[in-house]
């Protein structure tokens, strides 16, 4: 009991709402879901008797699915409260929403297609619905609402960010290659020679004489 109390305090508000809906759905299966009317022919006269049936008294695949959904949701929430670290496809909120919607669809199907009961030649049985199945339908819709709130409260993972000041590089853009070894860096410009205010800058020096590959003229002896 202490373990359940600690788990309840560890749940978030949305998770507690889902636990309320799942637990209420489980309890609603003990309420009257169906009404059975037996008509007995005694001495040429018909005599009718009516009884109420819970979901367990008219157990079929629909009631089994409702029981499985409510128990699974409570189990997942209990494990989360105790720090269980496991991943569900789509997250806890999405799974709870799908489970509640599936349960509501099954209960609605049972409203239209009631379970059949066997009779004999002297007894005729008819089945109707009771108020308990409508409460179960509302609780299944409440489970969908709780799952939606859980999904909205889920914290997404941190987005991938590049370092501050770094610009994203496209895959087609090659990285800047390092300077080849042995290549000299560009030399710095030489500072201009200082002159007096009135002195004019000289003309640029004349280009050096071109070298000639002809033999120089011989000098007279």
Protein backbone atom coordinates (compact mmCIF):
# COMPACT_ATOMS: atom_id res chain seq x y z
CA UNK A 1 0.00 0.00 0.00
CA UNK A 2 2.86 2.36 0.77
CA UNK A 3 4.36 1.58 -2.62
CA UNK A 4 1.11 2.57 -4.35
CA UNK A 5 0.95 5.80 -2.35
CA UNK A 6 4.50 6.76 -3.36
CA UNK A 7 3.72 5.93 -6.99
CA UNK A 8 0.59 8.07 -6.92
CA UNK A 9 2.48 11.08 -5.57
CA UNK A 10 5.14 10.67 -8.25
CA UNK A 11 2.64 10.95 -11.11
CA UNK A 12 1.94 14.17 -12.98
CA UNK A 13 -1.54 15.68 -13.16
CA UNK A 14 -2.14 14.32 -16.67
CA UNK A 15 -0.96 10.86 -15.65
CA UNK A 16 -3.27 10.89 -12.63
CA UNK A 17 -6.19 11.72 -14.90
CA UNK A 18 -5.33 8.74 -17.11
CA UNK A 19 -5.05 6.53 -14.02
CA UNK A 20 -8.50 7.68 -12.85
CA UNK A 21 -10.01 6.87 -16.25
CA UNK A 22 -8.34 3.44 -16.49
CA UNK A 23 -9.25 2.50 -12.92
CA UNK A 24 -12.83 3.70 -13.39
CA UNK A 25 -13.07 1.67 -16.59
CA UNK A 26 -12.00 -1.42 -14.67
CA UNK A 27 -14.52 -0.79 -11.87
CA UNK A 28 -17.32 -0.12 -14.39
CA UNK A 29 -17.06 -3.73 -15.55
CA UNK A 30 -18.69 -4.75 -12.25
CA UNK A 31 -21.70 -2.51 -12.96
CA UNK A 32 -24.77 -3.78 -14.83
CA UNK A 33 -23.97 -3.61 -18.55
CA UNK A 34 -26.76 -5.81 -19.88
CA UNK A 35 -30.28 -6.78 -18.95
CA UNK A 36 -31.51 -10.29 -19.68
CA UNK A 37 -35.18 -11.06 -19.98
CA UNK A 38 -36.17 -14.73 -19.74
CA UNK A 39 -39.63 -15.72 -20.93
CA UNK A 40 -40.75 -19.07 -19.55
CA UNK A 41 -43.85 -20.86 -20.76
CA UNK A 42 -45.57 -22.66 -17.88
CA UNK A 43 -48.94 -24.33 -18.38
CA UNK A 44 -49.60 -22.45 -21.59
CA UNK A 45 -48.91 -19.08 -19.92
CA UNK A 46 -45.77 -16.95 -20.46
CA UNK A 47 -43.89 -15.76 -17.46
CA UNK A 48 -41.04 -13.21 -17.86
CA UNK A 49 -38.18 -12.61 -15.45
CA UNK A 50 -35.52 -9.90 -15.84
CA UNK A 51 -31.98 -9.91 -14.45
CA UNK A 52 -28.99 -7.60 -14.79
CA UNK A 53 -25.60 -8.81 -16.01
CA UNK A 54 -22.21 -7.24 -15.49
CA UNK A 55 -19.44 -7.31 -18.06
CA UNK A 56 -17.92 -10.36 -16.38
CA UNK A 57 -21.22 -12.25 -16.46
CA UNK A 58 -21.48 -11.80 -20.24
CA UNK A 59 -17.78 -12.08 -20.97
CA UNK A 60 -16.71 -11.99 -24.62
CA UNK A 61 -13.82 -10.62 -26.70
CA UNK A 62 -15.10 -7.05 -26.20
CA UNK A 63 -15.04 -7.28 -22.42
CA UNK A 64 -11.66 -9.01 -22.55
CA UNK A 65 -10.22 -6.14 -24.64
CA UNK A 66 -11.60 -3.54 -22.20
CA UNK A 67 -10.05 -5.41 -19.28
CA UNK A 68 -6.72 -5.69 -21.07
CA UNK A 69 -6.59 -1.97 -21.97
CA UNK A 70 -7.41 -0.73 -18.48
CA UNK A 71 -4.90 -3.09 -16.86
CA UNK A 72 -2.15 -2.18 -19.35
CA UNK A 73 -2.58 1.57 -18.84
CA UNK A 74 -2.42 1.19 -15.06
CA UNK A 75 0.68 -0.99 -15.34
CA UNK A 76 2.51 1.51 -17.58
CA UNK A 77 1.66 4.43 -15.28
CA UNK A 78 2.82 2.48 -12.22
CA UNK A 79 6.15 1.69 -13.87
CA UNK A 80 6.59 5.33 -14.90
CA UNK A 81 5.97 6.44 -11.33
CA UNK A 82 8.71 4.11 -10.13
CA UNK A 83 11.19 5.50 -12.66
CA UNK A 84 10.79 2.92 -15.41
CA UNK A 85 12.83 4.02 -18.43
CA UNK A 86 11.36 2.38 -21.52
CA UNK A 87 10.13 3.82 -24.80
CA UNK A 88 6.68 3.30 -26.31
CA UNK A 89 6.04 3.91 -30.02
CA UNK A 90 4.81 7.48 -30.29
CA UNK A 91 5.13 8.16 -26.55
CA UNK A 92 2.90 7.41 -23.56
CA UNK A 93 0.32 10.02 -24.55
CA UNK A 94 -0.20 8.68 -28.05
CA UNK A 95 -0.47 5.09 -26.83
CA UNK A 96 -3.02 6.10 -24.18
CA UNK A 97 -5.07 7.96 -26.77
CA UNK A 98 -5.12 4.97 -29.12
CA UNK A 99 -6.02 2.59 -26.28
CA UNK A 100 -8.91 4.80 -25.15
CA UNK A 101 -10.23 5.24 -28.70
CA UNK A 102 -10.05 1.50 -29.34
CA UNK A 103 -11.95 0.78 -26.10
CA UNK A 104 -14.63 3.36 -26.90
CA UNK A 105 -15.08 1.84 -30.36
CA UNK A 106 -15.51 -1.66 -28.91
CA UNK A 107 -18.07 -0.50 -26.34
CA UNK A 108 -20.01 1.35 -29.03
CA UNK A 109 -19.99 -1.82 -31.10
CA UNK A 110 -21.41 -3.73 -28.15
CA UNK A 111 -24.25 -1.18 -27.88
CA UNK A 112 -25.29 -2.11 -31.42
CA UNK A 113 -24.49 -5.82 -31.31
CA UNK A 114 -25.45 -7.25 -27.94
CA UNK A 115 -24.09 -10.61 -26.77
CA UNK A 116 -26.29 -13.56 -27.56
CA UNK A 117 -27.53 -15.98 -24.96
CA UNK A 118 -28.62 -19.53 -25.54
CA UNK A 119 -32.17 -20.62 -24.78
CA UNK A 120 -34.30 -23.69 -25.20
CA UNK A 121 -37.79 -24.50 -26.36
CA UNK A 122 -39.39 -23.47 -23.07
CA UNK A 123 -37.21 -20.41 -22.30
CA UNK A 124 -36.61 -17.42 -24.59
CA UNK A 125 -33.87 -14.95 -23.59
CA UNK A 126 -33.45 -11.40 -24.87
CA UNK A 127 -30.63 -9.04 -23.99
CA UNK A 128 -30.69 -5.26 -23.62
CA UNK A 129 -28.22 -2.66 -22.32
CA UNK A 130 -28.02 -1.11 -18.87
CA UNK A 131 -26.64 2.17 -17.55
CA UNK A 132 -23.25 0.69 -16.63
CA UNK A 133 -22.14 0.33 -20.25
CA UNK A 134 -22.74 4.05 -20.86
CA UNK A 135 -20.51 4.93 -17.91
CA UNK A 136 -17.83 2.67 -19.39
CA UNK A 137 -18.13 4.50 -22.71
CA UNK A 138 -17.68 7.90 -21.00
CA UNK A 139 -14.63 6.61 -19.13
CA UNK A 140 -13.09 5.33 -22.37
CA UNK A 141 -13.55 8.80 -23.91
CA UNK A 142 -12.00 10.25 -20.74
CA UNK A 143 -8.98 8.03 -21.34
CA UNK A 144 -8.65 9.53 -24.81
CA UNK A 145 -8.74 13.04 -23.32
CA UNK A 146 -6.14 12.13 -20.68
CA UNK A 147 -3.85 10.70 -23.35
CA UNK A 148 -4.16 13.91 -25.34
CA UNK A 149 -3.13 15.97 -22.33
CA UNK A 150 -0.22 13.64 -21.64
CA UNK A 151 0.97 14.02 -25.22
CA UNK A 152 0.74 17.82 -25.01
CA UNK A 153 2.75 17.82 -21.76
CA UNK A 154 5.52 15.58 -23.05
CA UNK A 155 8.84 17.42 -23.30
CA UNK A 156 10.53 17.01 -26.68
CA UNK A 157 14.25 16.37 -26.87
CA UNK A 158 16.63 19.31 -27.32
CA UNK A 159 17.15 20.32 -30.97
CA UNK A 160 20.50 19.88 -32.60
CA UNK A 161 22.30 23.23 -32.73
CA UNK A 162 25.56 24.23 -34.33
CA UNK A 163 28.19 26.07 -32.27
CA UNK A 164 27.66 29.77 -31.80
CA UNK A 165 29.01 31.80 -34.69
CA UNK A 166 29.46 28.78 -36.95
CA UNK A 167 27.54 28.91 -40.20
CA UNK A 168 26.03 25.66 -41.44
CA UNK A 169 27.96 24.21 -44.35
CA UNK A 170 26.16 22.52 -47.18
CA UNK A 171 27.23 18.99 -48.00
CA UNK A 172 28.30 20.02 -51.50
CA UNK A 173 30.57 22.79 -50.24
CA UNK A 174 34.13 21.47 -49.76
CA UNK A 175 36.07 22.32 -46.69
CA UNK A 176 38.78 24.94 -46.94
CA UNK A 177 42.05 23.19 -47.60
CA UNK A 178 45.04 23.96 -45.47
CA UNK A 179 47.91 25.85 -47.14
CA UNK A 180 50.33 23.59 -48.89
CA UNK A 181 53.63 23.10 -47.08
CA UNK A 182 56.48 25.12 -48.47
CA UNK A 183 54.32 27.93 -49.82
CA UNK A 184 55.45 31.23 -48.41
CA UNK A 185 53.01 33.71 -47.07
CA UNK A 186 52.59 37.04 -48.77
CA UNK A 187 55.11 39.50 -47.44
CA UNK A 188 53.93 42.65 -45.82
CA UNK A 189 54.23 45.90 -47.78
CA UNK A 190 57.28 47.94 -47.01
CA UNK A 191 56.53 51.22 -45.36
CA UNK A 192 57.09 54.28 -47.56
CA UNK A 193 60.23 56.30 -46.95
CA UNK A 194 59.63 59.39 -44.91
CA UNK A 195 60.25 62.74 -46.63
CA UNK A 196 60.09 66.36 -45.63
CA UNK A 197 56.86 68.26 -46.42
CA UNK A 198 58.36 70.20 -49.35
CA UNK A 199 60.27 67.35 -50.92
CA UNK A 200 58.74 65.82 -54.02
CA UNK A 201 58.66 62.13 -54.61
CA UNK A 202 61.19 61.10 -57.29
CA UNK A 203 60.24 59.36 -60.46
CA UNK A 204 60.23 55.64 -60.28
CA UNK A 205 63.68 54.26 -61.05
CA UNK A 206 64.46 53.32 -64.60
CA UNK A 207 64.20 49.68 -65.44
CA UNK A 208 67.52 47.86 -65.40
CA UNK A 209 69.26 47.28 -68.69
CA UNK A 210 68.23 44.20 -70.44
CA UNK A 211 70.76 41.49 -70.64
CA UNK A 212 71.93 40.58 -74.11
CA UNK A 213 73.15 37.21 -75.17
CA UNK A 214 75.39 38.71 -77.95
CA UNK A 215 79.16 38.84 -77.48
CA UNK A 216 80.37 42.25 -76.26
CA UNK A 217 82.47 44.21 -78.77
CA UNK A 218 86.20 43.65 -78.44
CA UNK A 219 88.31 46.55 -77.34
CA UNK A 220 91.14 47.74 -79.59
CA UNK A 221 94.51 46.78 -78.28
